[in-house]
C-alpha atoms as a PDB file:
ATOM      1  CA  UNK A   1      72.599  60.422  60.983  1.00  0.00           C
ATOM      2  CA  UNK A   2      72.801  62.298  57.686  1.00  0.00           C
ATOM      3  CA  UNK A   3      73.112  65.646  59.519  1.00  0.00           C
ATOM      4  CA  UNK A   4      76.102  64.385  61.553  1.00  0.00           C
ATOM      5  CA  UNK A   5      77.974  63.473  58.379  1.00  0.00           C
ATOM      6  CA  UNK A   6      77.175  66.848  56.830  1.00  0.00           C
ATOM      7  CA  UNK A   7      78.191  68.614  60.047  1.00  0.00           C
ATOM      8  CA  UNK A   8      81.506  66.770  60.099  1.00  0.00           C
ATOM      9  CA  UNK A   9      82.094  67.480  56.426  1.00  0.00           C
ATOM     10  CA  UNK A  10      81.291  71.184  56.909  1.00  0.00           C
ATOM     11  CA  UNK A  11      83.623  71.435  59.888  1.00  0.00           C
ATOM     12  CA  UNK A  12      86.397  69.527  58.108  1.00  0.00           C
ATOM     13  CA  UNK A  13      86.106  71.827  55.095  1.00  0.00           C
ATOM     14  CA  UNK A  14      86.307  74.862  57.390  1.00  0.00           C
ATOM     15  CA  UNK A  15      89.380  73.500  59.172  1.00  0.00           C
ATOM     16  CA  UNK A  16      91.139  72.684  55.901  1.00  0.00           C
ATOM     17  CA  UNK A  17      90.353  76.090  54.447  1.00  0.00           C
ATOM     18  CA  UNK A  18      91.075  78.310  57.460  1.00  0.00           C
ATOM     19  CA  UNK A  19      93.414  76.550  59.879  1.00  0.00           C
ATOM     20  CA  UNK A  20      96.626  77.842  58.287  1.00  0.00           C
ATOM     21  CA  UNK A  21      95.413  81.430  58.603  1.00  0.00           C
ATOM     22  CA  UNK A  22      94.283  80.802  62.182  1.00  0.00           C
ATOM     23  CA  UNK A  23      97.684  79.343  63.097  1.00  0.00           C
ATOM     24  CA  UNK A  24      99.435  82.303  61.465  1.00  0.00           C
ATOM     25  CA  UNK A  25      97.200  84.686  63.425  1.00  0.00           C
ATOM     26  CA  UNK A  26      97.842  82.797  66.676  1.00  0.00           C
ATOM     27  CA  UNK A  27     101.593  82.768  65.974  1.00  0.00           C
ATOM     28  CA  UNK A  28     101.571  86.538  65.554  1.00  0.00           C
ATOM     29  CA  UNK A  29      99.499  86.853  68.711  1.00  0.00           C
ATOM     30  CA  UNK A  30     101.644  84.716  71.000  1.00  0.00           C
ATOM     31  CA  UNK A  31     105.058  84.582  69.299  1.00  0.00           C
ATOM     32  CA  UNK A  32     105.392  80.811  69.692  1.00  0.00           C
ATOM     33  CA  UNK A  33     104.682  78.297  66.901  1.00  0.00           C
ATOM     34  CA  UNK A  34     103.863  75.380  69.201  1.00  0.00           C
ATOM     35  CA  UNK A  35     101.643  77.420  71.484  1.00  0.00           C
ATOM     36  CA  UNK A  36      99.905  78.869  68.414  1.00  0.00           C
ATOM     37  CA  UNK A  37      99.033  75.372  67.230  1.00  0.00           C
ATOM     38  CA  UNK A  38      97.750  74.485  70.707  1.00  0.00           C
ATOM     39  CA  UNK A  39      95.638  77.649  70.828  1.00  0.00           C
ATOM     40  CA  UNK A  40      94.077  76.923  67.451  1.00  0.00           C
ATOM     41  CA  UNK A  41      93.501  73.255  68.306  1.00  0.00           C
ATOM     42  CA  UNK A  42      91.715  74.178  71.536  1.00  0.00           C
ATOM     43  CA  UNK A  43      89.643  76.833  69.769  1.00  0.00           C
ATOM     44  CA  UNK A  44      88.681  74.361  67.036  1.00  0.00           C
ATOM     45  CA  UNK A  45      87.670  71.775  69.641  1.00  0.00           C
ATOM     46  CA  UNK A  46      85.338  74.319  71.223  1.00  0.00           C
ATOM     47  CA  UNK A  47      83.992  75.340  67.818  1.00  0.00           C
ATOM     48  CA  UNK A  48      83.280  71.748  66.850  1.00  0.00           C
ATOM     49  CA  UNK A  49      81.107  71.265  69.920  1.00  0.00           C
ATOM     50  CA  UNK A  50      79.050  74.332  68.918  1.00  0.00           C
ATOM     51  CA  UNK A  51      79.329  73.959  65.153  1.00  0.00           C
ATOM     52  CA  UNK A  52      75.569  73.659  64.554  1.00  0.00           C
ATOM     53  CA  UNK A  53      75.091  77.091  66.129  1.00  0.00           C
ATOM     54  CA  UNK A  54      78.074  78.929  64.677  1.00  0.00           C
ATOM     55  CA  UNK A  55      78.282  77.635  61.108  1.00  0.00           C
ATOM     56  CA  UNK A  56      75.354  79.839  60.079  1.00  0.00           C
ATOM     57  CA  UNK A  57      77.080  82.980  61.332  1.00  0.00           C
ATOM     58  CA  UNK A  58      80.755  83.778  60.876  1.00  0.00           C
ATOM     59  CA  UNK A  59      82.694  80.704  62.032  1.00  0.00           C
ATOM     60  CA  UNK A  60      86.096  82.288  61.353  1.00  0.00           C
ATOM     61  CA  UNK A  61      85.301  85.233  63.634  1.00  0.00           C
ATOM     62  CA  UNK A  62      84.049  82.823  66.312  1.00  0.00           C
ATOM     63  CA  UNK A  63      87.202  80.695  66.197  1.00  0.00           C
ATOM     64  CA  UNK A  64      89.454  83.784  66.048  1.00  0.00           C
ATOM     65  CA  UNK A  65      87.689  85.088  69.168  1.00  0.00           C
ATOM     66  CA  UNK A  66      88.213  81.710  70.838  1.00  0.00           C
ATOM     67  CA  UNK A  67      91.932  81.861  69.959  1.00  0.00           C
ATOM     68  CA  UNK A  68      92.217  85.337  71.518  1.00  0.00           C
ATOM     69  CA  UNK A  69      90.338  84.254  74.646  1.00  0.00           C
ATOM     70  CA  UNK A  70      92.413  81.097  74.987  1.00  0.00           C
ATOM     71  CA  UNK A  71      95.633  83.068  74.495  1.00  0.00           C
ATOM     72  CA  UNK A  72      94.737  85.574  77.191  1.00  0.00           C
ATOM     73  CA  UNK A  73      93.697  82.765  79.513  1.00  0.00           C
ATOM     74  CA  UNK A  74      96.866  80.730  78.918  1.00  0.00           C
ATOM     75  CA  UNK A  75      99.130  83.732  79.319  1.00  0.00           C
ATOM     76  CA  UNK A  76      97.571  84.501  82.695  1.00  0.00           C
ATOM     77  CA  UNK A  77      97.996  80.912  83.876  1.00  0.00           C
ATOM     78  CA  UNK A  78     101.361  80.074  82.357  1.00  0.00           C
ATOM     79  CA  UNK A  79     103.587  83.105  82.637  1.00  0.00           C
ATOM     80  CA  UNK A  80     106.175  81.057  84.480  1.00  0.00           C
ATOM     81  CA  UNK A  81     106.426  78.266  81.895  1.00  0.00           C
ATOM     82  CA  UNK A  82     109.245  77.891  79.422  1.00  0.00           C
ATOM     83  CA  UNK A  83     108.279  78.976  75.917  1.00  0.00           C
ATOM     84  CA  UNK A  84     110.283  77.501  73.038  1.00  0.00           C
ATOM     85  CA  UNK A  85     110.484  79.515  69.832  1.00  0.00           C
ATOM     86  CA  UNK A  86     110.277  78.233  66.309  1.00  0.00           C
ATOM     87  CA  UNK A  87     110.365  79.248  62.686  1.00  0.00           C
ATOM     88  CA  UNK A  88     107.411  80.964  61.073  1.00  0.00           C
ATOM     89  CA  UNK A  89     108.460  80.340  57.467  1.00  0.00           C
ATOM     90  CA  UNK A  90     106.318  77.224  57.053  1.00  0.00           C
ATOM     91  CA  UNK A  91     103.312  78.887  58.719  1.00  0.00           C
ATOM     92  CA  UNK A  92     103.726  81.986  56.567  1.00  0.00           C
ATOM     93  CA  UNK A  93     103.810  79.852  53.437  1.00  0.00           C
ATOM     94  CA  UNK A  94     100.740  77.807  54.458  1.00  0.00           C
ATOM     95  CA  UNK A  95      98.790  80.970  55.225  1.00  0.00           C
ATOM     96  CA  UNK A  96      99.746  82.517  51.901  1.00  0.00           C
ATOM     97  CA  UNK A  97     102.105  85.066  53.421  1.00  0.00           C
ATOM     98  CA  UNK A  98     105.309  84.503  51.506  1.00  0.00           C
ATOM     99  CA  UNK A  99     108.058  87.065  51.720  1.00  0.00           C
ATOM    100  CA  UNK A 100     109.797  87.754  48.423  1.00  0.00           C
ATOM    101  CA  UNK A 101     113.537  88.020  48.986  1.00  0.00           C
ATOM    102  CA  UNK A 102     115.027  86.410  45.894  1.00  0.00           C
ATOM    103  CA  UNK A 103     118.357  88.233  46.098  1.00  0.00           C
ATOM    104  CA  UNK A 104     118.926  87.714  49.834  1.00  0.00           C
ATOM    105  CA  UNK A 105     116.813  84.969  51.431  1.00  0.00           C
ATOM    106  CA  UNK A 106     118.199  85.822  54.859  1.00  0.00           C
ATOM    107  CA  UNK A 107     116.503  89.234  54.697  1.00  0.00           C
ATOM    108  CA  UNK A 108     113.131  87.532  55.226  1.00  0.00           C
ATOM    109  CA  UNK A 109     114.447  85.861  58.355  1.00  0.00           C
ATOM    110  CA  UNK A 110     115.891  89.141  59.591  1.00  0.00           C
ATOM    111  CA  UNK A 111     112.526  90.845  59.014  1.00  0.00           C
ATOM    112  CA  UNK A 112     110.649  88.205  61.003  1.00  0.00           C
ATOM    113  CA  UNK A 113     113.186  88.290  63.835  1.00  0.00           C
ATOM    114  CA  UNK A 114     113.027  92.094  63.996  1.00  0.00           C
ATOM    115  CA  UNK A 115     109.235  92.067  64.047  1.00  0.00           C
ATOM    116  CA  UNK A 116     109.121  89.318  66.685  1.00  0.00           C
ATOM    117  CA  UNK A 117     111.596  91.198  68.894  1.00  0.00           C
ATOM    118  CA  UNK A 118     109.635  94.428  68.567  1.00  0.00           C
ATOM    119  CA  UNK A 119     106.303  92.713  69.271  1.00  0.00           C
ATOM    120  CA  UNK A 120     107.838  91.059  72.338  1.00  0.00           C
ATOM    121  CA  UNK A 121     108.321  94.513  73.890  1.00  0.00           C
ATOM    122  CA  UNK A 122     104.566  95.127  73.880  1.00  0.00           C
ATOM    123  CA  UNK A 123     102.156  94.210  76.657  1.00  0.00           C
ATOM    124  CA  UNK A 124      99.641  91.412  76.033  1.00  0.00           C
ATOM    125  CA  UNK A 125      96.879  93.912  75.341  1.00  0.00           C
ATOM    126  CA  UNK A 126      99.012  96.090  73.066  1.00  0.00           C
ATOM    127  CA  UNK A 127     100.179  93.067  71.102  1.00  0.00           C
ATOM    128  CA  UNK A 128      96.635  91.726  70.747  1.00  0.00           C
ATOM    129  CA  UNK A 129      95.412  95.134  69.553  1.00  0.00           C
ATOM    130  CA  UNK A 130      98.219  95.477  66.993  1.00  0.00           C
ATOM    131  CA  UNK A 131      97.748  91.955  65.652  1.00  0.00           C
ATOM    132  CA  UNK A 132      93.969  92.289  65.400  1.00  0.00           C
ATOM    133  CA  UNK A 133      94.151  95.762  63.844  1.00  0.00           C
ATOM    134  CA  UNK A 134      97.014  95.291  61.401  1.00  0.00           C
ATOM    135  CA  UNK A 135      97.357  91.561  60.760  1.00  0.00           C
ATOM    136  CA  UNK A 136      93.662  90.679  60.852  1.00  0.00           C
ATOM    137  CA  UNK A 137      92.655  94.146  59.544  1.00  0.00           C
ATOM    138  CA  UNK A 138      89.818  94.609  62.038  1.00  0.00           C
ATOM    139  CA  UNK A 139      88.315  98.005  62.786  1.00  0.00           C
ATOM    140  CA  UNK A 140      88.729  99.595  66.200  1.00  0.00           C
ATOM    141  CA  UNK A 141      85.151  98.602  67.068  1.00  0.00           C
ATOM    142  CA  UNK A 142      85.679  95.002  65.954  1.00  0.00           C
ATOM    143  CA  UNK A 143      88.949  94.830  67.892  1.00  0.00           C
ATOM    144  CA  UNK A 144      87.227  96.203  70.989  1.00  0.00           C
ATOM    145  CA  UNK A 145      84.429  93.644  70.664  1.00  0.00           C
ATOM    146  CA  UNK A 146      86.914  90.798  70.139  1.00  0.00           C
ATOM    147  CA  UNK A 147      88.941  91.744  73.215  1.00  0.00           C
ATOM    148  CA  UNK A 148      85.950  92.768  75.317  1.00  0.00           C
ATOM    149  CA  UNK A 149      87.278  96.276  75.960  1.00  0.00           C
ATOM    150  CA  UNK A 150      86.173  99.808  75.113  1.00  0.00           C
ATOM    151  CA  UNK A 151      87.000 101.411  71.759  1.00  0.00           C
ATOM    152  CA  UNK A 152      88.910 104.134  73.614  1.00  0.00           C
ATOM    153  CA  UNK A 153      91.070 101.472  75.236  1.00  0.00           C
ATOM    154  CA  UNK A 154      91.820 100.036  71.803  1.00  0.00           C
ATOM    155  CA  UNK A 155      92.813 103.489  70.564  1.00  0.00           C
ATOM    156  CA  UNK A 156      95.099 104.212  73.512  1.00  0.00           C
ATOM    157  CA  UNK A 157      96.672 100.720  73.473  1.00  0.00           C
ATOM    158  CA  UNK A 158      97.221 101.032  69.734  1.00  0.00           C
ATOM    159  CA  UNK A 159      98.832 104.470  70.119  1.00  0.00           C
ATOM    160  CA  UNK A 160     101.167 103.221  72.880  1.00  0.00           C
ATOM    161  CA  UNK A 161     102.062 100.117  70.864  1.00  0.00           C
ATOM    162  CA  UNK A 162     102.829 102.074  67.703  1.00  0.00           C
ATOM    163  CA  UNK A 163     104.930 104.527  69.699  1.00  0.00           C
ATOM    164  CA  UNK A 164     106.952 101.603  71.105  1.00  0.00           C
ATOM    165  CA  UNK A 165     107.281 100.008  67.673  1.00  0.00           C
ATOM    166  CA  UNK A 166     108.424 103.286  66.107  1.00  0.00           C
ATOM    167  CA  UNK A 167     111.077 103.595  68.808  1.00  0.00           C
ATOM    168  CA  UNK A 168     112.239  99.976  68.449  1.00  0.00           C
ATOM    169  CA  UNK A 169     115.797 100.047  67.088  1.00  0.00           C
ATOM    170  CA  UNK A 170     115.341  96.673  65.374  1.00  0.00           C
ATOM    171  CA  UNK A 171     112.606  98.137  63.169  1.00  0.00           C
ATOM    172  CA  UNK A 172     114.327 101.478  62.572  1.00  0.00           C
ATOM    173  CA  UNK A 173     111.044 103.164  61.658  1.00  0.00           C
ATOM    174  CA  UNK A 174     110.533 101.228  58.425  1.00  0.00           C
ATOM    175  CA  UNK A 175     107.701  98.927  59.545  1.00  0.00           C
ATOM    176  CA  UNK A 176     105.742 100.898  62.128  1.00  0.00           C
ATOM    177  CA  UNK A 177     105.560 104.062  60.052  1.00  0.00           C
ATOM    178  CA  UNK A 178     107.672 107.121  60.345  1.00  0.00           C
ATOM    179  CA  UNK A 179     106.479 110.351  61.860  1.00  0.00           C
ATOM    180  CA  UNK A 180     107.421 113.556  60.102  1.00  0.00           C
END
């Protein structure tokens, strides 16, 4: 019985320490605060059932992979469903991503809206690649392994996504990098 208590304590500590970052990641991945919470909850449920096996490795990578898999699965099944949108300010703050706009607080909102609109123009794969590469800071190989695709596919999806983001009028070249 002692191991069960320790297992629960270990899992609870993991959830408390990493859930805000996971929700932020999922929010960036799917663009919907409520769906992001559902994705993370489902991924954490699956992780809890396998916690004895994954806690020795990299549990964050395992749960992040589960979030990606769940997102891709839900998108395939629920394309027709209504998707409400919500604010990311609270999630950003919980994850430690606070935007500093002391002079004009609305600029932070405008930034998030512009980024969300630009990301919405990407395909599921392009969006997943961009979020894994630039939000989660994974390498091309790690991104490929996470998505279960070839490194070349990651490179081409990333190139197409960045081209779309550079052309997005709402970003005006300032976020996706400017080409000289």
